[in-house]
Amino acid sequence: SSGRVRRVMTDEVRRRIDGFIARNRENVAAGLHKQQMRKLDMWRRLQDEGARIAYSTVCQYVRALEAAPKPQEKPAKAYIRKDYEPGFRCEFDWGVLTLWIGGVRRRL
């Protein structure tokens, strides 16, 4: 709001970062959680493409996008109820739950 012209975070750089994030979302939707670009990877790619941008600038932009609420993107999950005789089977699940608590994203 200072009227200063942004020299580094150009529309082209924004489009490239938005593309990286869109690709990350596609990979997550396809079950490829480990094939996401980290902010450091995005910054390095931009550097390789000739953009003169600081890593902290990339982090700020990505963080602002991640903080914005997104509409539900995943399809609904379906579950099949199974009944077993008592003592026949034991199940447990390992996982991480991510929640927004007080405006802060928390992993539990």
PDB file of N, CA and C in Angstrom:
ATOM      1  N   SER A   1       0.820  -1.199   0.000  1.00  0.00           N
ATOM      2  CA  SER A   1       0.000   0.000   0.000  1.00  0.00           C
ATOM      3  C   SER A   1       0.856   1.252   0.000  1.00  0.00           C
ATOM      4  N   SER A   2       2.166   1.097  -0.088  1.00  0.00           N
ATOM      5  CA  SER A   2       3.053   2.254  -0.055  1.00  0.00           C
ATOM      6  C   SER A   2       3.227   2.886  -1.430  1.00  0.00           C
ATOM      7  N   GLY A   3       2.701   2.284  -2.476  1.00  0.00           N
ATOM      8  CA  GLY A   3       2.868   2.818  -3.813  1.00  0.00           C
ATOM      9  C   GLY A   3       4.168   2.380  -4.463  1.00  0.00           C
ATOM     10  N   ARG A   4       4.951   1.599  -3.755  1.00  0.00           N
ATOM     11  CA  ARG A   4       6.222   1.109  -4.274  1.00  0.00           C
ATOM     12  C   ARG A   4       5.954   0.040  -5.331  1.00  0.00           C
ATOM     13  N   VAL A   5       6.695   0.060  -6.411  1.00  0.00           N
ATOM     14  CA  VAL A   5       6.533  -0.916  -7.485  1.00  0.00           C
ATOM     15  C   VAL A   5       7.243  -2.205  -7.095  1.00  0.00           C
ATOM     16  N   ARG A   6       6.528  -3.310  -7.215  1.00  0.00           N
ATOM     17  CA  ARG A   6       7.139  -4.610  -6.919  1.00  0.00           C
ATOM     18  C   ARG A   6       7.996  -5.020  -8.111  1.00  0.00           C
ATOM     19  N   ARG A   7       9.282  -5.160  -7.873  1.00  0.00           N
ATOM     20  CA  ARG A   7      10.188  -5.488  -8.962  1.00  0.00           C
ATOM     21  C   ARG A   7      10.451  -6.982  -9.053  1.00  0.00           C
ATOM     22  N   VAL A   8      10.311  -7.677  -7.945  1.00  0.00           N
ATOM     23  CA  VAL A   8      10.689  -9.087  -7.903  1.00  0.00           C
ATOM     24  C   VAL A   8       9.477  -9.998  -8.060  1.00  0.00           C
ATOM     25  N   MET A   9       8.430  -9.741  -7.288  1.00  0.00           N
ATOM     26  CA  MET A   9       7.236 -10.580  -7.332  1.00  0.00           C
ATOM     27  C   MET A   9       6.336 -10.091  -8.472  1.00  0.00           C
ATOM     28  N   THR A  10       6.743 -10.438  -9.681  1.00  0.00           N
ATOM     29  CA  THR A  10       5.994 -10.033 -10.865  1.00  0.00           C
ATOM     30  C   THR A  10       4.822 -10.982 -11.081  1.00  0.00           C
ATOM     31  N   ASP A  11       3.947 -10.618 -12.003  1.00  0.00           N
ATOM     32  CA  ASP A  11       2.815 -11.492 -12.325  1.00  0.00           C
ATOM     33  C   ASP A  11       3.301 -12.840 -12.850  1.00  0.00           C
ATOM     34  N   GLU A  12       4.390 -12.822 -13.615  1.00  0.00           N
ATOM     35  CA  GLU A  12       4.935 -14.074 -14.146  1.00  0.00           C
ATOM     36  C   GLU A  12       5.434 -14.978 -13.017  1.00  0.00           C
ATOM     37  N   VAL A  13       6.115 -14.412 -12.038  1.00  0.00           N
ATOM     38  CA  VAL A  13       6.594 -15.201 -10.897  1.00  0.00           C
ATOM     39  C   VAL A  13       5.405 -15.749 -10.119  1.00  0.00           C
ATOM     40  N   ARG A  14       4.377 -14.942  -9.922  1.00  0.00           N
ATOM     41  CA  ARG A  14       3.168 -15.422  -9.234  1.00  0.00           C
ATOM     42  C   ARG A  14       2.541 -16.589  -9.992  1.00  0.00           C
ATOM     43  N   ARG A  15       2.449 -16.460 -11.319  1.00  0.00           N
ATOM     44  CA  ARG A  15       1.866 -17.541 -12.126  1.00  0.00           C
ATOM     45  C   ARG A  15       2.679 -18.824 -11.981  1.00  0.00           C
ATOM     46  N   ARG A  16       4.000 -18.697 -11.971  1.00  0.00           N
ATOM     47  CA  ARG A  16       4.851 -19.883 -11.833  1.00  0.00           C
ATOM     48  C   ARG A  16       4.638 -20.551 -10.475  1.00  0.00           C
ATOM     49  N   ILE A  17       4.619 -19.757  -9.411  1.00  0.00           N
ATOM     50  CA  ILE A  17       4.416 -20.323  -8.071  1.00  0.00           C
ATOM     51  C   ILE A  17       3.022 -20.925  -7.964  1.00  0.00           C
ATOM     52  N   ASP A  18       2.015 -20.238  -8.504  1.00  0.00           N
ATOM     53  CA  ASP A  18       0.653 -20.785  -8.502  1.00  0.00           C
ATOM     54  C   ASP A  18       0.617 -22.125  -9.235  1.00  0.00           C
ATOM     55  N   GLY A  19       1.384 -22.233 -10.318  1.00  0.00           N
ATOM     56  CA  GLY A  19       1.465 -23.495 -11.059  1.00  0.00           C
ATOM     57  C   GLY A  19       2.111 -24.599 -10.235  1.00  0.00           C
ATOM     58  N   PHE A  20       3.168 -24.253  -9.496  1.00  0.00           N
ATOM     59  CA  PHE A  20       3.811 -25.241  -8.623  1.00  0.00           C
ATOM     60  C   PHE A  20       2.824 -25.748  -7.576  1.00  0.00           C
ATOM     61  N   ILE A  21       2.066 -24.828  -6.997  1.00  0.00           N
ATOM     62  CA  ILE A  21       1.110 -25.197  -5.947  1.00  0.00           C
ATOM     63  C   ILE A  21      -0.024 -26.035  -6.532  1.00  0.00           C
ATOM     64  N   ALA A  22      -0.486 -25.673  -7.732  1.00  0.00           N
ATOM     65  CA  ALA A  22      -1.538 -26.464  -8.386  1.00  0.00           C
ATOM     66  C   ALA A  22      -1.036 -27.884  -8.645  1.00  0.00           C
ATOM     67  N   ARG A  23       0.206 -28.005  -9.069  1.00  0.00           N
ATOM     68  CA  ARG A  23       0.785 -29.329  -9.318  1.00  0.00           C
ATOM     69  C   ARG A  23       0.887 -30.123  -8.014  1.00  0.00           C
ATOM     70  N   ASN A  24       1.244 -29.444  -6.919  1.00  0.00           N
ATOM     71  CA  ASN A  24       1.283 -30.109  -5.614  1.00  0.00           C
ATOM     72  C   ASN A  24      -0.086 -30.665  -5.257  1.00  0.00           C
ATOM     73  N   ARG A  25      -1.125 -29.870  -5.479  1.00  0.00           N
ATOM     74  CA  ARG A  25      -2.489 -30.324  -5.163  1.00  0.00           C
ATOM     75  C   ARG A  25      -2.880 -31.520  -6.018  1.00  0.00           C
ATOM     76  N   GLU A  26      -2.495 -31.502  -7.292  1.00  0.00           N
ATOM     77  CA  GLU A  26      -2.780 -32.644  -8.168  1.00  0.00           C
ATOM     78  C   GLU A  26      -2.063 -33.894  -7.654  1.00  0.00           C
ATOM     79  N   ASN A  27      -0.820 -33.733  -7.231  1.00  0.00           N
ATOM     80  CA  ASN A  27      -0.065 -34.878  -6.717  1.00  0.00           C
ATOM     81  C   ASN A  27      -0.702 -35.435  -5.448  1.00  0.00           C
ATOM     82  N   VAL A  28      -1.155 -34.559  -4.562  1.00  0.00           N
ATOM     83  CA  VAL A  28      -1.811 -35.016  -3.331  1.00  0.00           C
ATOM     84  C   VAL A  28      -3.096 -35.758  -3.679  1.00  0.00           C
ATOM     85  N   ALA A  29      -3.877 -35.206  -4.606  1.00  0.00           N
ATOM     86  CA  ALA A  29      -5.136 -35.845  -5.002  1.00  0.00           C
ATOM     87  C   ALA A  29      -4.885 -37.217  -5.625  1.00  0.00           C
ATOM     88  N   ALA A  30      -3.729 -37.379  -6.266  1.00  0.00           N
ATOM     89  CA  ALA A  30      -3.384 -38.649  -6.897  1.00  0.00           C
ATOM     90  C   ALA A  30      -2.686 -39.602  -5.930  1.00  0.00           C
ATOM     91  N   GLY A  31      -2.539 -39.192  -4.664  1.00  0.00           N
ATOM     92  CA  GLY A  31      -1.899 -40.044  -3.674  1.00  0.00           C
ATOM     93  C   GLY A  31      -0.383 -39.958  -3.682  1.00  0.00           C
ATOM     94  N   LEU A  32       0.158 -38.960  -4.344  1.00  0.00           N
ATOM     95  CA  LEU A  32       1.611 -38.801  -4.434  1.00  0.00           C
ATOM     96  C   LEU A  32       2.078 -37.740  -3.448  1.00  0.00           C
ATOM     97  N   HIS A  33       1.839 -37.988  -2.176  1.00  0.00           N
ATOM     98  CA  HIS A  33       2.134 -37.004  -1.135  1.00  0.00           C
ATOM     99  C   HIS A  33       3.613 -36.636  -1.074  1.00  0.00           C
ATOM    100  N   LYS A  34       4.475 -37.590  -1.382  1.00  0.00           N
ATOM    101  CA  LYS A  34       5.910 -37.334  -1.254  1.00  0.00           C
ATOM    102  C   LYS A  34       6.501 -36.660  -2.487  1.00  0.00           C
ATOM    103  N   GLN A  35       5.693 -36.427  -3.497  1.00  0.00           N
ATOM    104  CA  GLN A  35       6.197 -35.805  -4.716  1.00  0.00           C
ATOM    105  C   GLN A  35       5.720 -34.363  -4.843  1.00  0.00           C
ATOM    106  N   GLN A  36       5.762 -33.643  -3.741  1.00  0.00           N
ATOM    107  CA  GLN A  36       5.380 -32.242  -3.745  1.00  0.00           C
ATOM    108  C   GLN A  36       6.633 -31.379  -3.737  1.00  0.00           C
ATOM    109  N   MET A  37       6.519 -30.213  -4.354  1.00  0.00           N
ATOM    110  CA  MET A  37       7.629 -29.258  -4.323  1.00  0.00           C
ATOM    111  C   MET A  37       7.572 -28.490  -3.020  1.00  0.00           C
ATOM    112  N   ARG A  38       8.683 -28.457  -2.330  1.00  0.00           N
ATOM    113  CA  ARG A  38       8.777 -27.618  -1.140  1.00  0.00           C
ATOM    114  C   ARG A  38       9.047 -26.186  -1.589  1.00  0.00           C
ATOM    115  N   LYS A  39       8.936 -25.254  -0.645  1.00  0.00           N
ATOM    116  CA  LYS A  39       9.203 -23.853  -0.982  1.00  0.00           C
ATOM    117  C   LYS A  39      10.631 -23.683  -1.491  1.00  0.00           C
ATOM    118  N   LEU A  40      11.551 -24.420  -0.908  1.00  0.00           N
ATOM    119  CA  LEU A  40      12.943 -24.347  -1.347  1.00  0.00           C
ATOM    120  C   LEU A  40      13.081 -24.830  -2.790  1.00  0.00           C
ATOM    121  N   ASP A  41      12.361 -25.907  -3.137  1.00  0.00           N
ATOM    122  CA  ASP A  41      12.394 -26.413  -4.512  1.00  0.00           C
ATOM    123  C   ASP A  41      11.834 -25.375  -5.484  1.00  0.00           C
ATOM    124  N   MET A  42      10.744 -24.714  -5.082  1.00  0.00           N
ATOM    125  CA  MET A  42      10.145 -23.678  -5.928  1.00  0.00           C
ATOM    126  C   MET A  42      11.132 -22.541  -6.154  1.00  0.00           C
ATOM    127  N   TRP A  43      11.775 -22.113  -5.076  1.00  0.00           N
ATOM    128  CA  TRP A  43      12.739 -21.018  -5.170  1.00  0.00           C
ATOM    129  C   TRP A  43      13.902 -21.389  -6.094  1.00  0.00           C
ATOM    130  N   ARG A  44      14.409 -22.607  -5.932  1.00  0.00           N
ATOM    131  CA  ARG A  44      15.524 -23.042  -6.782  1.00  0.00           C
ATOM    132  C   ARG A  44      15.113 -23.095  -8.252  1.00  0.00           C
ATOM    133  N   ARG A  45      13.908 -23.581  -8.520  1.00  0.00           N
ATOM    134  CA  ARG A  45      13.427 -23.636  -9.905  1.00  0.00           C
ATOM    135  C   ARG A  45      13.325 -22.235 -10.489  1.00  0.00           C
ATOM    136  N   LEU A  46      12.787 -21.297  -9.697  1.00  0.00           N
ATOM    137  CA  LEU A  46      12.691 -19.910 -10.157  1.00  0.00           C
ATOM    138  C   LEU A  46      14.078 -19.328 -10.421  1.00  0.00           C
ATOM    139  N   GLN A  47      15.035 -19.634  -9.551  1.00  0.00           N
ATOM    140  CA  GLN A  47      16.408 -19.167  -9.746  1.00  0.00           C
ATOM    141  C   GLN A  47      16.977 -19.730 -11.050  1.00  0.00           C
ATOM    142  N   ASP A  48      16.739 -21.029 -11.286  1.00  0.00           N
ATOM    143  CA  ASP A  48      17.230 -21.666 -12.511  1.00  0.00           C
ATOM    144  C   ASP A  48      16.616 -21.037 -13.756  1.00  0.00           C
ATOM    145  N   GLU A  49      15.382 -20.552 -13.619  1.00  0.00           N
ATOM    146  CA  GLU A  49      14.687 -19.928 -14.749  1.00  0.00           C
ATOM    147  C   GLU A  49      15.052 -18.453 -14.902  1.00  0.00           C
ATOM    148  N   GLY A  50      15.927 -17.949 -14.032  1.00  0.00           N
ATOM    149  CA  GLY A  50      16.409 -16.585 -14.180  1.00  0.00           C
ATOM    150  C   GLY A  50      15.718 -15.541 -13.326  1.00  0.00           C
ATOM    151  N   ALA A  51      14.786 -15.945 -12.485  1.00  0.00           N
ATOM    152  CA  ALA A  51      14.105 -14.980 -11.614  1.00  0.00           C
ATOM    153  C   ALA A  51      15.036 -14.597 -10.474  1.00  0.00           C
ATOM    154  N   ARG A  52      15.157 -13.322 -10.228  1.00  0.00           N
ATOM    155  CA  ARG A  52      15.992 -12.850  -9.110  1.00  0.00           C
ATOM    156  C   ARG A  52      15.062 -12.550  -7.956  1.00  0.00           C
ATOM    157  N   ILE A  53      14.813 -13.566  -7.158  1.00  0.00           N
ATOM    158  CA  ILE A  53      13.849 -13.461  -6.069  1.00  0.00           C
ATOM    159  C   ILE A  53      14.447 -14.100  -4.825  1.00  0.00           C
ATOM    160  N   ALA A  54      14.164 -13.545  -3.686  1.00  0.00           N
ATOM    161  CA  ALA A  54      14.677 -14.080  -2.425  1.00  0.00           C
ATOM    162  C   ALA A  54      13.824 -15.263  -1.971  1.00  0.00           C
ATOM    163  N   TYR A  55      14.464 -16.190  -1.297  1.00  0.00           N
ATOM    164  CA  TYR A  55      13.744 -17.348  -0.755  1.00  0.00           C
ATOM    165  C   TYR A  55      12.631 -16.893   0.184  1.00  0.00           C
ATOM    166  N   SER A  56      12.902 -15.872   0.997  1.00  0.00           N
ATOM    167  CA  SER A  56      11.890 -15.390   1.945  1.00  0.00           C
ATOM    168  C   SER A  56      10.662 -14.832   1.225  1.00  0.00           C
ATOM    169  N   THR A  57      10.844 -14.258   0.046  1.00  0.00           N
ATOM    170  CA  THR A  57       9.712 -13.740  -0.726  1.00  0.00           C
ATOM    171  C   THR A  57       8.830 -14.887  -1.201  1.00  0.00           C
ATOM    172  N   VAL A  58       9.461 -15.965  -1.656  1.00  0.00           N
ATOM    173  CA  VAL A  58       8.701 -17.149  -2.067  1.00  0.00           C
ATOM    174  C   VAL A  58       7.940 -17.707  -0.868  1.00  0.00           C
ATOM    175  N   CYS A  59       8.605 -17.798   0.286  1.00  0.00           N
ATOM    176  CA  CYS A  59       7.961 -18.321   1.499  1.00  0.00           C
ATOM    177  C   CYS A  59       6.755 -17.480   1.892  1.00  0.00           C
ATOM    178  N   GLN A  60       6.894 -16.172   1.852  1.00  0.00           N
ATOM    179  CA  GLN A  60       5.783 -15.290   2.224  1.00  0.00           C
ATOM    180  C   GLN A  60       4.595 -15.488   1.295  1.00  0.00           C
ATOM    181  N   TYR A  61       4.850 -15.577  -0.003  1.00  0.00           N
ATOM    182  CA  TYR A  61       3.761 -15.729  -0.971  1.00  0.00           C
ATOM    183  C   TYR A  61       3.056 -17.077  -0.786  1.00  0.00           C
ATOM    184  N   VAL A  62       3.834 -18.147  -0.654  1.00  0.00           N
ATOM    185  CA  VAL A  62       3.247 -19.483  -0.484  1.00  0.00           C
ATOM    186  C   VAL A  62       2.483 -19.561   0.835  1.00  0.00           C
ATOM    187  N   ARG A  63       3.045 -19.000   1.895  1.00  0.00           N
ATOM    188  CA  ARG A  63       2.384 -19.017   3.203  1.00  0.00           C
ATOM    189  C   ARG A  63       1.041 -18.297   3.134  1.00  0.00           C
ATOM    190  N   ALA A  64       0.993 -17.176   2.436  1.00  0.00           N
ATOM    191  CA  ALA A  64      -0.262 -16.428   2.302  1.00  0.00           C
ATOM    192  C   ALA A  64      -1.300 -17.248   1.545  1.00  0.00           C
ATOM    193  N   LEU A  65      -0.876 -17.977   0.529  1.00  0.00           N
ATOM    194  CA  LEU A  65      -1.814 -18.818  -0.220  1.00  0.00           C
ATOM    195  C   LEU A  65      -2.295 -20.001   0.614  1.00  0.00           C
ATOM    196  N   GLU A  66      -1.393 -20.592   1.382  1.00  0.00           N
ATOM    197  CA  GLU A  66      -1.764 -21.745   2.207  1.00  0.00           C
ATOM    198  C   GLU A  66      -2.704 -21.351   3.331  1.00  0.00           C
ATOM    199  N   ALA A  67      -2.592 -20.125   3.815  1.00  0.00           N
ATOM    200  CA  ALA A  67      -3.428 -19.675   4.926  1.00  0.00           C
ATOM    201  C   ALA A  67      -4.858 -19.405   4.483  1.00  0.00           C
ATOM    202  N   ALA A  68      -5.053 -19.143   3.205  1.00  0.00           N
ATOM    203  CA  ALA A  68      -6.401 -18.850   2.709  1.00  0.00           C
ATOM    204  C   ALA A  68      -7.231 -20.130   2.716  1.00  0.00           C
ATOM    205  N   PRO A  69      -8.466 -20.064   3.224  1.00  0.00           N
ATOM    206  CA  PRO A  69      -9.314 -21.261   3.226  1.00  0.00           C
ATOM    207  C   PRO A  69      -9.651 -21.692   1.800  1.00  0.00           C
ATOM    208  N   LYS A  70      -9.663 -22.991   1.573  1.00  0.00           N
ATOM    209  CA  LYS A  70      -9.947 -23.529   0.248  1.00  0.00           C
ATOM    210  C   LYS A  70     -11.232 -24.354   0.292  1.00  0.00           C
ATOM    211  N   PRO A  71     -11.958 -24.383  -0.813  1.00  0.00           N
ATOM    212  CA  PRO A  71     -13.143 -25.247  -0.848  1.00  0.00           C
ATOM    213  C   PRO A  71     -12.720 -26.715  -0.803  1.00  0.00           C
ATOM    214  N   GLN A  72     -13.623 -27.559  -0.387  1.00  0.00           N
ATOM    215  CA  GLN A  72     -13.339 -28.991  -0.316  1.00  0.00           C
ATOM    216  C   GLN A  72     -12.946 -29.492  -1.693  1.00  0.00           C
ATOM    217  N   GLU A  73     -11.752 -30.042  -1.827  1.00  0.00           N
ATOM    218  CA  GLU A  73     -11.259 -30.482  -3.124  1.00  0.00           C
ATOM    219  C   GLU A  73     -11.268 -32.003  -3.277  1.00  0.00           C
ATOM    220  N   LYS A  74     -11.222 -32.725  -2.182  1.00  0.00           N
ATOM    221  CA  LYS A  74     -11.166 -34.178  -2.251  1.00  0.00           C
ATOM    222  C   LYS A  74     -12.575 -34.751  -2.400  1.00  0.00           C
ATOM    223  N   PRO A  75     -12.695 -35.832  -3.147  1.00  0.00           N
ATOM    224  CA  PRO A  75     -14.007 -36.484  -3.218  1.00  0.00           C
ATOM    225  C   PRO A  75     -14.350 -37.110  -1.865  1.00  0.00           C
ATOM    226  N   ALA A  76     -15.621 -37.258  -1.613  1.00  0.00           N
ATOM    227  CA  ALA A  76     -16.056 -37.855  -0.353  1.00  0.00           C
ATOM    228  C   ALA A  76     -15.572 -39.303  -0.283  1.00  0.00           C
ATOM    229  N   LYS A  77     -15.212 -39.759   0.909  1.00  0.00           N
ATOM    230  CA  LYS A  77     -14.753 -41.129   1.098  1.00  0.00           C
ATOM    231  C   LYS A  77     -15.944 -42.020   1.433  1.00  0.00           C
ATOM    232  N   ALA A  78     -15.885 -43.241   0.956  1.00  0.00           N
ATOM    233  CA  ALA A  78     -16.924 -44.220   1.252  1.00  0.00           C
ATOM    234  C   ALA A  78     -16.323 -45.306   2.148  1.00  0.00           C
ATOM    235  N   TYR A  79     -17.098 -45.765   3.093  1.00  0.00           N
ATOM    236  CA  TYR A  79     -16.636 -46.786   4.030  1.00  0.00           C
ATOM    237  C   TYR A  79     -17.589 -47.978   3.986  1.00  0.00           C
ATOM    238  N   ILE A  80     -17.023 -49.153   4.146  1.00  0.00           N
ATOM    239  CA  ILE A  80     -17.824 -50.370   4.201  1.00  0.00           C
ATOM    240  C   ILE A  80     -17.795 -50.867   5.633  1.00  0.00           C
ATOM    241  N   ARG A  81     -18.966 -50.948   6.220  1.00  0.00           N
ATOM    242  CA  ARG A  81     -19.059 -51.400   7.602  1.00  0.00           C
ATOM    243  C   ARG A  81     -18.901 -52.920   7.644  1.00  0.00           C
ATOM    244  N   LYS A  82     -18.042 -53.383   8.525  1.00  0.00           N
ATOM    245  CA  LYS A  82     -17.819 -54.817   8.686  1.00  0.00           C
ATOM    246  C   LYS A  82     -18.089 -55.189  10.131  1.00  0.00           C
ATOM    247  N   ASP A  83     -18.719 -56.303  10.319  1.00  0.00           N
ATOM    248  CA  ASP A  83     -18.988 -56.802  11.665  1.00  0.00           C
ATOM    249  C   ASP A  83     -18.252 -58.125  11.854  1.00  0.00           C
ATOM    250  N   TYR A  84     -17.540 -58.218  12.958  1.00  0.00           N
ATOM    251  CA  TYR A  84     -16.806 -59.431  13.291  1.00  0.00           C
ATOM    252  C   TYR A  84     -17.243 -59.901  14.666  1.00  0.00           C
ATOM    253  N   GLU A  85     -17.019 -61.166  14.903  1.00  0.00           N
ATOM    254  CA  GLU A  85     -17.289 -61.714  16.220  1.00  0.00           C
ATOM    255  C   GLU A  85     -16.301 -61.096  17.207  1.00  0.00           C
ATOM    256  N   PRO A  86     -16.721 -60.851  18.450  1.00  0.00           N
ATOM    257  CA  PRO A  86     -15.809 -60.277  19.445  1.00  0.00           C
ATOM    258  C   PRO A  86     -14.538 -61.130  19.581  1.00  0.00           C
ATOM    259  N   GLY A  87     -13.384 -60.470  19.564  1.00  0.00           N
ATOM    260  CA  GLY A  87     -12.103 -61.141  19.713  1.00  0.00           C
ATOM    261  C   GLY A  87     -11.545 -61.735  18.434  1.00  0.00           C
ATOM    262  N   PHE A  88     -12.291 -61.654  17.340  1.00  0.00           N
ATOM    263  CA  PHE A  88     -11.847 -62.244  16.082  1.00  0.00           C
ATOM    264  C   PHE A  88     -10.793 -61.388  15.384  1.00  0.00           C
ATOM    265  N   ARG A  89     -10.909 -60.079  15.486  1.00  0.00           N
ATOM    266  CA  ARG A  89     -10.026 -59.183  14.747  1.00  0.00           C
ATOM    267  C   ARG A  89      -9.735 -57.935  15.572  1.00  0.00           C
ATOM    268  N   CYS A  90      -8.531 -57.412  15.400  1.00  0.00           N
ATOM    269  CA  CYS A  90      -8.144 -56.163  16.063  1.00  0.00           C
ATOM    270  C   CYS A  90      -7.584 -55.218  14.999  1.00  0.00           C
ATOM    271  N   GLU A  91      -8.062 -53.985  14.981  1.00  0.00           N
ATOM    272  CA  GLU A  91      -7.566 -52.995  14.027  1.00  0.00           C
ATOM    273  C   GLU A  91      -7.153 -51.728  14.744  1.00  0.00           C
ATOM    274  N   PHE A  92      -6.164 -51.068  14.191  1.00  0.00           N
ATOM    275  CA  PHE A  92      -5.820 -49.721  14.646  1.00  0.00           C
ATOM    276  C   PHE A  92      -5.254 -48.967  13.453  1.00  0.00           C
ATOM    277  N   ASP A  93      -5.338 -47.664  13.512  1.00  0.00           N
ATOM    278  CA  ASP A  93      -4.873 -46.825  12.411  1.00  0.00           C
ATOM    279  C   ASP A  93      -3.807 -45.859  12.901  1.00  0.00           C
ATOM    280  N   TRP A  94      -2.799 -45.639  12.058  1.00  0.00           N
ATOM    281  CA  TRP A  94      -1.792 -44.617  12.304  1.00  0.00           C
ATOM    282  C   TRP A  94      -2.094 -43.477  11.353  1.00  0.00           C
ATOM    283  N   GLY A  95      -1.955 -42.281  11.831  1.00  0.00           N
ATOM    284  CA  GLY A  95      -2.189 -41.158  10.934  1.00  0.00           C
ATOM    285  C   GLY A  95      -1.980 -39.835  11.623  1.00  0.00           C
ATOM    286  N   VAL A  96      -2.043 -38.799  10.830  1.00  0.00           N
ATOM    287  CA  VAL A  96      -1.902 -37.433  11.313  1.00  0.00           C
ATOM    288  C   VAL A  96      -3.176 -36.689  10.972  1.00  0.00           C
ATOM    289  N   LEU A  97      -3.669 -35.943  11.932  1.00  0.00           N
ATOM    290  CA  LEU A  97      -4.870 -35.148  11.735  1.00  0.00           C
ATOM    291  C   LEU A  97      -4.466 -33.685  11.728  1.00  0.00           C
ATOM    292  N   THR A  98      -4.889 -32.946  10.720  1.00  0.00           N
ATOM    293  CA  THR A  98      -4.588 -31.521  10.627  1.00  0.00           C
ATOM    294  C   THR A  98      -5.876 -30.744  10.823  1.00  0.00           C
ATOM    295  N   LEU A  99      -5.863 -29.839  11.792  1.00  0.00           N
ATOM    296  CA  LEU A  99      -7.045 -29.037  12.111  1.00  0.00           C
ATOM    297  C   LEU A  99      -6.674 -27.568  12.175  1.00  0.00           C
ATOM    298  N   TRP A 100      -7.672 -26.719  11.954  1.00  0.00           N
ATOM    299  CA  TRP A 100      -7.521 -25.284  12.176  1.00  0.00           C
ATOM    300  C   TRP A 100      -8.072 -25.000  13.563  1.00  0.00           C
ATOM    301  N   ILE A 101      -7.221 -24.560  14.484  1.00  0.00           N
ATOM    302  CA  ILE A 101      -7.629 -24.244  15.852  1.00  0.00           C
ATOM    303  C   ILE A 101      -7.256 -22.797  16.116  1.00  0.00           C
ATOM    304  N   GLY A 102      -8.265 -21.967  16.346  1.00  0.00           N
ATOM    305  CA  GLY A 102      -8.009 -20.552  16.608  1.00  0.00           C
ATOM    306  C   GLY A 102      -7.292 -19.859  15.461  1.00  0.00           C
ATOM    307  N   GLY A 103      -7.580 -20.272  14.221  1.00  0.00           N
ATOM    308  CA  GLY A 103      -6.949 -19.649  13.066  1.00  0.00           C
ATOM    309  C   GLY A 103      -5.547 -20.146  12.778  1.00  0.00           C
ATOM    310  N   VAL A 104      -5.086 -21.149  13.534  1.00  0.00           N
ATOM    311  CA  VAL A 104      -3.742 -21.698  13.344  1.00  0.00           C
ATOM    312  C   VAL A 104      -3.873 -23.151  12.907  1.00  0.00           C
ATOM    313  N   ARG A 105      -3.168 -23.519  11.859  1.00  0.00           N
ATOM    314  CA  ARG A 105      -3.205 -24.892  11.367  1.00  0.00           C
ATOM    315  C   ARG A 105      -2.325 -25.752  12.261  1.00  0.00           C
ATOM    316  N   ARG A 106      -2.904 -26.810  12.846  1.00  0.00           N
ATOM    317  CA  ARG A 106      -2.184 -27.672  13.797  1.00  0.00           C
ATOM    318  C   ARG A 106      -2.217 -29.112  13.309  1.00  0.00           C
ATOM    319  N   ARG A 107      -1.108 -29.794  13.455  1.00  0.00           N
ATOM    320  CA  ARG A 107      -1.044 -31.228  13.153  1.00  0.00           C
ATOM    321  C   ARG A 107      -1.085 -31.984  14.462  1.00  0.00           C
ATOM    322  N   LEU A 108      -2.019 -32.880  14.583  1.00  0.00           N
ATOM    323  CA  LEU A 108      -2.181 -33.665  15.801  1.00  0.00           C
ATOM    324  C   LEU A 108      -1.933 -35.135  15.516  1.00  0.00           C
TER     325      LEU A 108
END
